[in-house]
């Protein structure tokens, strides 16, 4: 009886402090998840450095983390800074948010004839600048907080990446001992995480890069300004379902049609965006997801869309992983039911087909 009471108290403490820890760590879930996905992507490089150069775990982890910073994160930060500089220059320019009065006069005249008002091109441009300032003002006030949070998140992600690479094996060994689940099932779930994470990241980034490059080419051909800024906006838009690259090239096409009054350029950009830019996304993602994971393309697409709708941007990654885990759990449950009912042969025991999760050699018991 005493042991039962003690067990109940311990279980209650675990739940209590587990919820408290989750509350404390909630703000860092995205950096931790991104770090785990970077481990999946750059884990092979870490193992090559460790085995090829005979480096200790921490040495190979340090070199891999430095490589990620120099090759991935630093260029991304520079691109964002460059695009931000273009946006600031556009806002500071006297003509940055000013529509051409000669182009606007025709629209204003038709509007005045239809409504009986007396609107001028100058008043429209002034109102446009006021609206932009009212919209950008609160964003500018929050910019220091957003930048500080982004820097903290980047630091957490970088440090987590290093420790996941250096101590991942010991971390997994400790976790597997605490989880009341058959070890082979735990490794199968980890293998699913690796497989789906690599597929989601690869398909999303590849599709966004290709869409941004194609859209940037279209922006350049039709003669739009700030091509670099528009291209980067297309890249980030393509990362988010329900927004997509169409939000950028569509707005640019409307601008060309109504304000520049270049019908051919607007129609050409719209046709290029609809037939090429947005179509590429529907081709690349299903191919990559189907080629690198066991998820059906339709199921993968729905998991991404549903994940974003339920969890926000992080749902791009969490949605497919959750569906893959459910699929793996159902498979394992069916295997256990068959085993208990005596319908399985039992010849292959607990062997899981395929490679060990996260590139772990057989018998190592954790992440390399």
Protein backbone atom coordinates (compact mmCIF):
# COMPACT_ATOMS: atom_id res chain seq x y z
CA UNK A 1 0.00 0.00 0.00
CA UNK A 2 2.84 2.38 0.87
CA UNK A 3 4.52 1.74 -2.49
CA UNK A 4 1.25 2.44 -4.31
CA UNK A 5 0.88 5.78 -2.50
CA UNK A 6 4.52 6.61 -3.20
CA UNK A 7 4.08 5.75 -6.86
CA UNK A 8 0.98 7.95 -7.06
CA UNK A 9 2.81 10.87 -5.46
CA UNK A 10 5.77 10.46 -7.82
CA UNK A 11 3.45 10.26 -10.81
CA UNK A 12 1.68 13.43 -9.69
CA UNK A 13 5.01 15.22 -9.27
CA UNK A 14 6.10 14.13 -12.73
CA UNK A 15 2.88 15.48 -14.26
CA UNK A 16 3.06 18.72 -12.27
CA UNK A 17 6.68 19.53 -13.01
CA UNK A 18 6.31 18.24 -16.56
CA UNK A 19 3.54 20.76 -17.23
CA UNK A 20 5.55 23.49 -15.51
CA UNK A 21 8.62 22.67 -17.58
CA UNK A 22 6.53 22.67 -20.75
CA UNK A 23 5.24 26.11 -19.81
CA UNK A 24 8.77 27.36 -19.24
CA UNK A 25 10.10 25.87 -22.48
CA UNK A 26 7.09 26.75 -24.66
CA UNK A 27 8.77 29.87 -26.02
CA UNK A 28 11.70 27.82 -27.29
CA UNK A 29 9.81 24.96 -28.94
CA UNK A 30 10.29 26.37 -32.44
CA UNK A 31 14.09 26.89 -32.09
CA UNK A 32 14.41 23.40 -30.57
CA UNK A 33 12.36 21.84 -33.36
CA UNK A 34 14.39 23.67 -36.01
CA UNK A 35 17.61 22.51 -34.33
CA UNK A 36 16.36 18.91 -34.36
CA UNK A 37 15.57 19.19 -38.06
CA UNK A 38 19.00 20.66 -38.76
CA UNK A 39 20.47 17.62 -36.99
CA UNK A 40 18.51 15.40 -39.36
CA UNK A 41 19.75 17.31 -42.41
CA UNK A 42 23.38 17.83 -41.38
CA UNK A 43 23.80 14.66 -39.32
CA UNK A 44 25.57 12.85 -42.20
CA UNK A 45 28.11 15.70 -42.41
CA UNK A 46 28.72 15.42 -38.67
CA UNK A 47 29.37 11.70 -38.94
CA UNK A 48 31.73 12.14 -41.90
CA UNK A 49 33.74 14.73 -39.99
CA UNK A 50 33.83 12.55 -36.89
CA UNK A 51 34.81 9.33 -38.65
CA UNK A 52 36.86 10.73 -41.52
CA UNK A 53 38.96 13.17 -39.48
CA UNK A 54 38.93 11.05 -36.30
CA UNK A 55 37.47 13.94 -34.33
CA UNK A 56 35.75 13.69 -30.95
CA UNK A 57 32.00 14.20 -30.84
CA UNK A 58 32.25 17.79 -29.64
CA UNK A 59 34.85 18.67 -32.28
CA UNK A 60 32.76 17.34 -35.15
CA UNK A 61 29.67 18.99 -33.65
CA UNK A 62 31.47 22.34 -33.43
CA UNK A 63 32.62 22.17 -37.06
CA UNK A 64 29.15 21.14 -38.26
CA UNK A 65 27.50 23.95 -36.31
CA UNK A 66 30.01 26.44 -37.72
CA UNK A 67 29.29 25.16 -41.22
CA UNK A 68 25.54 25.62 -40.72
CA UNK A 69 26.10 29.16 -39.45
CA UNK A 70 28.34 30.16 -42.35
CA UNK A 71 26.50 28.42 -45.17
CA UNK A 72 22.87 28.69 -44.09
CA UNK A 73 22.16 31.19 -41.33
CA UNK A 74 24.58 34.01 -42.19
CA UNK A 75 23.50 34.23 -45.86
CA UNK A 76 19.85 34.16 -44.78
CA UNK A 77 20.43 37.02 -42.33
CA UNK A 78 22.27 39.01 -45.01
CA UNK A 79 19.40 38.49 -47.45
CA UNK A 80 16.88 39.72 -44.89
CA UNK A 81 19.04 42.75 -44.08
CA UNK A 82 19.41 43.54 -47.78
CA UNK A 83 15.66 43.28 -48.34
CA UNK A 84 15.00 45.38 -45.24
CA UNK A 85 17.37 48.03 -46.56
CA UNK A 86 15.50 48.11 -49.86
CA UNK A 87 12.21 48.52 -48.00
CA UNK A 88 13.59 51.36 -45.86
CA UNK A 89 15.01 53.13 -48.91
CA UNK A 90 11.65 52.83 -50.63
CA UNK A 91 9.85 54.34 -47.64
CA UNK A 92 12.34 57.19 -47.30
CA UNK A 93 12.25 58.04 -50.99
CA UNK A 94 9.85 60.88 -51.87
CA UNK A 95 8.47 58.74 -54.70
CA UNK A 96 8.72 55.42 -52.88
CA UNK A 97 5.03 55.23 -52.00
CA UNK A 98 3.86 57.71 -54.60
CA UNK A 99 1.89 56.61 -57.64
CA UNK A 100 2.62 58.33 -60.93
CA UNK A 101 0.14 61.27 -61.16
CA UNK A 102 -0.08 60.91 -64.94
CA UNK A 103 -1.14 57.27 -64.55
CA UNK A 104 -3.40 58.04 -61.61
CA UNK A 105 -5.23 60.93 -63.28
CA UNK A 106 -7.28 58.64 -65.51
CA UNK A 107 -8.42 56.48 -62.61
CA UNK A 108 -9.20 59.55 -60.50
CA UNK A 109 -11.24 61.14 -63.29
CA UNK A 110 -13.34 58.00 -63.74
CA UNK A 111 -13.82 57.78 -59.98
CA UNK A 112 -14.91 61.42 -59.77
CA UNK A 113 -17.35 60.98 -62.66
CA UNK A 114 -18.89 57.91 -61.03
CA UNK A 115 -19.16 59.32 -57.50
CA UNK A 116 -19.45 63.07 -58.03
CA UNK A 117 -16.50 63.69 -55.71
CA UNK A 118 -13.47 65.86 -56.43
CA UNK A 119 -10.48 63.67 -55.60
CA UNK A 120 -7.04 64.59 -56.90
CA UNK A 121 -3.99 62.46 -57.60
CA UNK A 122 -2.04 64.40 -54.97
CA UNK A 123 -4.64 63.66 -52.29
CA UNK A 124 -4.61 59.96 -53.18
CA UNK A 125 -0.83 59.84 -52.90
CA UNK A 126 -0.93 61.69 -49.59
CA UNK A 127 -3.55 59.33 -48.20
CA UNK A 128 -1.53 56.36 -49.41
CA UNK A 129 1.55 57.59 -47.56
CA UNK A 130 -0.50 58.25 -44.42
CA UNK A 131 -1.96 54.75 -44.53
CA UNK A 132 1.50 53.27 -45.00
CA UNK A 133 2.87 55.26 -42.07
CA UNK A 134 -0.06 54.23 -39.86
CA UNK A 135 0.50 50.59 -40.80
CA UNK A 136 4.28 50.62 -40.55
CA UNK A 137 4.42 52.73 -37.38
CA UNK A 138 3.29 50.00 -34.94
CA UNK A 139 5.52 47.50 -36.72
CA UNK A 140 8.51 49.82 -36.33
CA UNK A 141 7.77 50.20 -32.61
CA UNK A 142 7.71 46.43 -32.17
CA UNK A 143 10.80 45.91 -34.30
CA UNK A 144 13.31 46.01 -31.38
CA UNK A 145 11.34 43.37 -29.46
CA UNK A 146 10.96 41.17 -32.54
CA UNK A 147 14.66 41.51 -33.37
CA UNK A 148 15.65 40.68 -29.78
CA UNK A 149 13.40 37.60 -29.73
CA UNK A 150 14.77 36.51 -33.09
CA UNK A 151 18.35 36.85 -31.86
CA UNK A 152 17.56 34.86 -28.71
CA UNK A 153 15.81 32.19 -30.77
CA UNK A 154 18.79 32.01 -33.14
CA UNK A 155 21.19 31.60 -30.21
CA UNK A 156 19.01 28.89 -28.65
CA UNK A 157 18.76 27.06 -31.96
CA UNK A 158 22.53 27.24 -32.53
CA UNK A 159 23.41 26.04 -29.02
CA UNK A 160 20.78 23.30 -29.24
CA UNK A 161 22.16 22.18 -32.59
CA UNK A 162 25.64 21.82 -31.10
CA UNK A 163 24.47 19.83 -28.08
CA UNK A 164 22.10 17.66 -30.12
CA UNK A 165 25.05 16.71 -32.33
CA UNK A 166 27.58 16.33 -29.51
CA UNK A 167 25.39 14.67 -26.86
CA UNK A 168 22.50 13.34 -28.94
CA UNK A 169 23.46 9.72 -28.35
CA UNK A 170 23.49 10.07 -24.57
CA UNK A 171 20.30 12.14 -24.65
CA UNK A 172 18.45 9.46 -26.57
CA UNK A 173 19.78 6.70 -24.35
CA UNK A 174 18.46 8.55 -21.29
CA UNK A 175 15.08 9.23 -22.89
CA UNK A 176 14.57 5.68 -24.14
CA UNK A 177 15.09 4.36 -20.61
CA UNK A 178 12.36 6.63 -19.26
CA UNK A 179 9.69 6.03 -21.90
CA UNK A 180 7.51 2.95 -21.14
CA UNK A 181 7.57 1.77 -24.75
CA UNK A 182 9.39 -1.07 -26.45
CA UNK A 183 12.82 0.15 -27.58
CA UNK A 184 12.31 -1.05 -31.14
CA UNK A 185 9.12 1.02 -31.34
CA UNK A 186 10.98 4.06 -30.04
CA UNK A 187 13.62 3.69 -32.76
CA UNK A 188 10.92 3.26 -35.37
CA UNK A 189 9.33 6.55 -34.28
CA UNK A 190 12.72 8.25 -34.44
CA UNK A 191 13.25 6.85 -37.91
CA UNK A 192 9.87 8.26 -38.93
CA UNK A 193 10.86 11.65 -37.49
CA UNK A 194 14.09 11.65 -39.48
CA UNK A 195 12.42 10.55 -42.69
CA UNK A 196 9.50 12.97 -42.58
CA UNK A 197 11.56 15.90 -41.30
CA UNK A 198 14.03 15.58 -44.15
CA UNK A 199 11.20 15.24 -46.68
CA UNK A 200 9.25 18.25 -45.38
CA UNK A 201 12.27 20.54 -45.12
CA UNK A 202 13.64 19.50 -48.50
CA UNK A 203 10.33 19.85 -50.34
CA UNK A 204 9.39 23.15 -48.71
CA UNK A 205 12.74 24.86 -49.21
CA UNK A 206 13.27 23.53 -52.71
CA UNK A 207 9.80 24.60 -53.84
CA UNK A 208 10.19 28.05 -52.26
CA UNK A 209 13.61 28.63 -53.83
CA UNK A 210 12.46 27.58 -57.29
CA UNK A 211 9.31 29.69 -57.04
CA UNK A 212 11.26 32.74 -55.87
CA UNK A 213 13.80 32.44 -58.69
CA UNK A 214 11.10 32.02 -61.33
CA UNK A 215 9.04 34.88 -59.92
CA UNK A 216 12.12 37.11 -59.70
CA UNK A 217 12.81 36.43 -63.37
CA UNK A 218 9.25 37.48 -64.18
CA UNK A 219 9.55 40.67 -62.10
CA UNK A 220 12.78 41.57 -63.91
CA UNK A 221 11.35 40.94 -67.38
CA UNK A 222 8.29 43.17 -66.85
CA UNK A 223 10.49 45.97 -65.50
CA UNK A 224 9.35 46.17 -61.88
CA UNK A 225 11.56 47.93 -59.35
CA UNK A 226 12.91 46.40 -56.13
CA UNK A 227 13.18 42.99 -57.78
CA UNK A 228 15.34 41.64 -54.95
CA UNK A 229 12.78 42.62 -52.31
CA UNK A 230 9.91 41.13 -54.31
CA UNK A 231 11.88 37.92 -54.87
CA UNK A 232 12.61 37.53 -51.16
CA UNK A 233 8.97 38.21 -50.31
CA UNK A 234 8.03 35.50 -52.80
CA UNK A 235 10.41 33.07 -51.09
CA UNK A 236 8.94 33.67 -47.63
CA UNK A 237 5.40 33.68 -48.98
CA UNK A 238 5.99 30.34 -50.68
CA UNK A 239 6.98 28.86 -47.31
CA UNK A 240 3.53 29.55 -45.85
CA UNK A 241 0.44 27.72 -47.12
CA UNK A 242 -2.64 29.89 -47.76
CA UNK A 243 -0.28 32.76 -48.70
CA UNK A 244 2.09 31.39 -51.29
CA UNK A 245 3.96 33.09 -54.08
CA UNK A 246 0.64 34.08 -55.68
CA UNK A 247 0.16 36.79 -53.06
CA UNK A 248 3.27 38.56 -54.39
CA UNK A 249 3.06 38.05 -58.14
CA UNK A 250 -0.71 38.62 -58.01
CA UNK A 251 -0.31 41.99 -56.29
CA UNK A 252 2.46 42.92 -58.74
CA UNK A 253 0.21 42.05 -61.69
CA UNK A 254 -2.61 44.22 -60.33
CA UNK A 255 -0.15 47.07 -59.83
CA UNK A 256 0.99 46.80 -63.43
CA UNK A 257 -2.60 46.69 -64.67
CA UNK A 258 -4.25 49.49 -62.69
CA UNK A 259 -1.43 51.89 -61.87
CA UNK A 260 1.21 51.38 -64.54
CA UNK A 261 -1.56 50.63 -67.07
CA UNK A 262 0.63 48.14 -68.90
CA UNK A 263 -1.90 45.49 -69.79
CA UNK A 264 0.52 43.24 -71.65
CA UNK A 265 3.05 43.24 -68.80
CA UNK A 266 0.30 42.56 -66.24
CA UNK A 267 -1.18 39.73 -68.30
CA UNK A 268 2.24 38.24 -68.99
CA UNK A 269 3.26 38.30 -65.33
CA UNK A 270 -0.09 36.83 -64.26
CA UNK A 271 0.17 34.05 -66.85
CA UNK A 272 3.79 33.34 -65.85
CA UNK A 273 2.85 33.23 -62.18
CA UNK A 274 -0.23 31.05 -62.68
CA UNK A 275 1.15 28.61 -65.24
CA UNK A 276 4.77 28.36 -64.07
CA UNK A 277 5.50 29.80 -60.61
CA UNK A 278 2.53 28.41 -58.69
CA UNK A 279 2.39 25.19 -60.70
CA UNK A 280 5.98 24.33 -59.78
CA UNK A 281 4.97 24.18 -56.12
CA UNK A 282 2.34 21.54 -56.86
CA UNK A 283 4.90 19.48 -58.78
CA UNK A 284 7.97 19.67 -56.53
CA UNK A 285 6.36 19.09 -53.13
CA UNK A 286 4.44 15.87 -53.93
CA UNK A 287 7.44 14.41 -55.77
CA UNK A 288 9.92 15.13 -52.96
CA UNK A 289 7.52 14.14 -50.16
CA UNK A 290 6.57 10.91 -51.88
CA UNK A 291 10.19 10.11 -52.72
CA UNK A 292 11.60 10.70 -49.23
CA UNK A 293 8.78 9.56 -46.95
CA UNK A 294 6.05 6.94 -46.74
CA UNK A 295 3.30 9.56 -46.63
CA UNK A 296 0.92 9.63 -49.55
CA UNK A 297 1.21 12.99 -51.38
CA UNK A 298 -2.42 13.88 -50.64
CA UNK A 299 -2.02 13.00 -46.95
CA UNK A 300 1.22 15.01 -46.77
CA UNK A 301 -0.45 18.04 -48.36
CA UNK A 302 -3.44 17.88 -46.02
CA UNK A 303 -1.19 17.47 -42.98
CA UNK A 304 0.74 20.62 -43.91
CA UNK A 305 -2.40 22.67 -44.55
CA UNK A 306 -4.10 21.39 -41.40
CA UNK A 307 -0.97 21.89 -39.32
CA UNK A 308 -0.68 25.52 -40.37
CA UNK A 309 -4.36 26.11 -39.70
CA UNK A 310 -4.12 24.62 -36.21
CA UNK A 311 -0.64 25.65 -35.06
CA UNK A 312 0.45 28.51 -37.30
CA UNK A 313 3.72 28.50 -39.29
CA UNK A 314 5.25 25.79 -37.11
CA UNK A 315 2.49 23.49 -38.36
CA UNK A 316 4.38 23.21 -41.65
CA UNK A 317 6.72 20.84 -39.83
CA UNK A 318 4.59 19.54 -36.96
CA UNK A 319 1.62 18.51 -39.11
CA UNK A 320 3.38 15.93 -41.32
CA UNK A 321 5.41 14.63 -38.36
CA UNK A 322 2.25 14.11 -36.28
CA UNK A 323 0.53 12.28 -39.14
CA UNK A 324 3.62 10.14 -39.75
CA UNK A 325 3.78 9.27 -36.04
CA UNK A 326 0.11 8.30 -36.08
CA UNK A 327 0.69 6.12 -39.12
CA UNK A 328 3.70 4.46 -37.47
CA UNK A 329 1.84 4.02 -34.16
CA UNK A 330 -1.08 2.34 -35.93
CA UNK A 331 1.33 0.02 -37.72
CA UNK A 332 3.04 -0.90 -34.44
CA UNK A 333 -0.32 -1.39 -32.73
CA UNK A 334 -1.44 -3.74 -35.48
CA UNK A 335 1.82 -5.68 -35.13
CA UNK A 336 1.31 -5.99 -31.37
CA UNK A 337 -2.28 -7.15 -31.82
CA UNK A 338 -1.19 -9.74 -34.37
CA UNK A 339 1.60 -10.87 -32.06
CA UNK A 340 -0.72 -11.27 -29.09
CA UNK A 341 -3.26 -13.16 -31.17
CA UNK A 342 -0.56 -15.52 -32.45
CA UNK A 343 -1.04 -14.57 -36.10
CA UNK A 344 2.55 -13.50 -36.75
CA UNK A 345 5.35 -15.90 -37.56
CA UNK A 346 7.82 -14.29 -35.19
CA UNK A 347 10.78 -15.18 -37.40
CA UNK A 348 12.16 -11.68 -37.64
CA UNK A 349 11.45 -10.74 -34.03
CA UNK A 350 11.74 -7.03 -33.36
CA UNK A 351 13.78 -6.13 -36.41
CA UNK A 352 12.69 -2.91 -38.03
CA UNK A 353 13.29 -2.70 -41.78
CA UNK A 354 15.39 0.12 -43.07
CA UNK A 355 18.30 2.04 -41.63
CA UNK A 356 18.73 3.01 -38.02
CA UNK A 357 17.22 6.39 -37.13
CA UNK A 358 19.35 9.48 -37.57
CA UNK A 359 22.13 7.44 -39.09
CA UNK A 360 22.88 5.54 -35.88
CA UNK A 361 25.06 2.46 -36.41
CA UNK A 362 23.60 -0.79 -35.22
CA UNK A 363 24.13 -1.25 -31.53
CA UNK A 364 25.18 2.33 -30.83
CA UNK A 365 21.91 3.09 -29.10
CA UNK A 366 21.58 6.75 -30.05
CA UNK A 367 22.18 9.64 -32.35
CA UNK A 368 25.56 9.99 -33.94
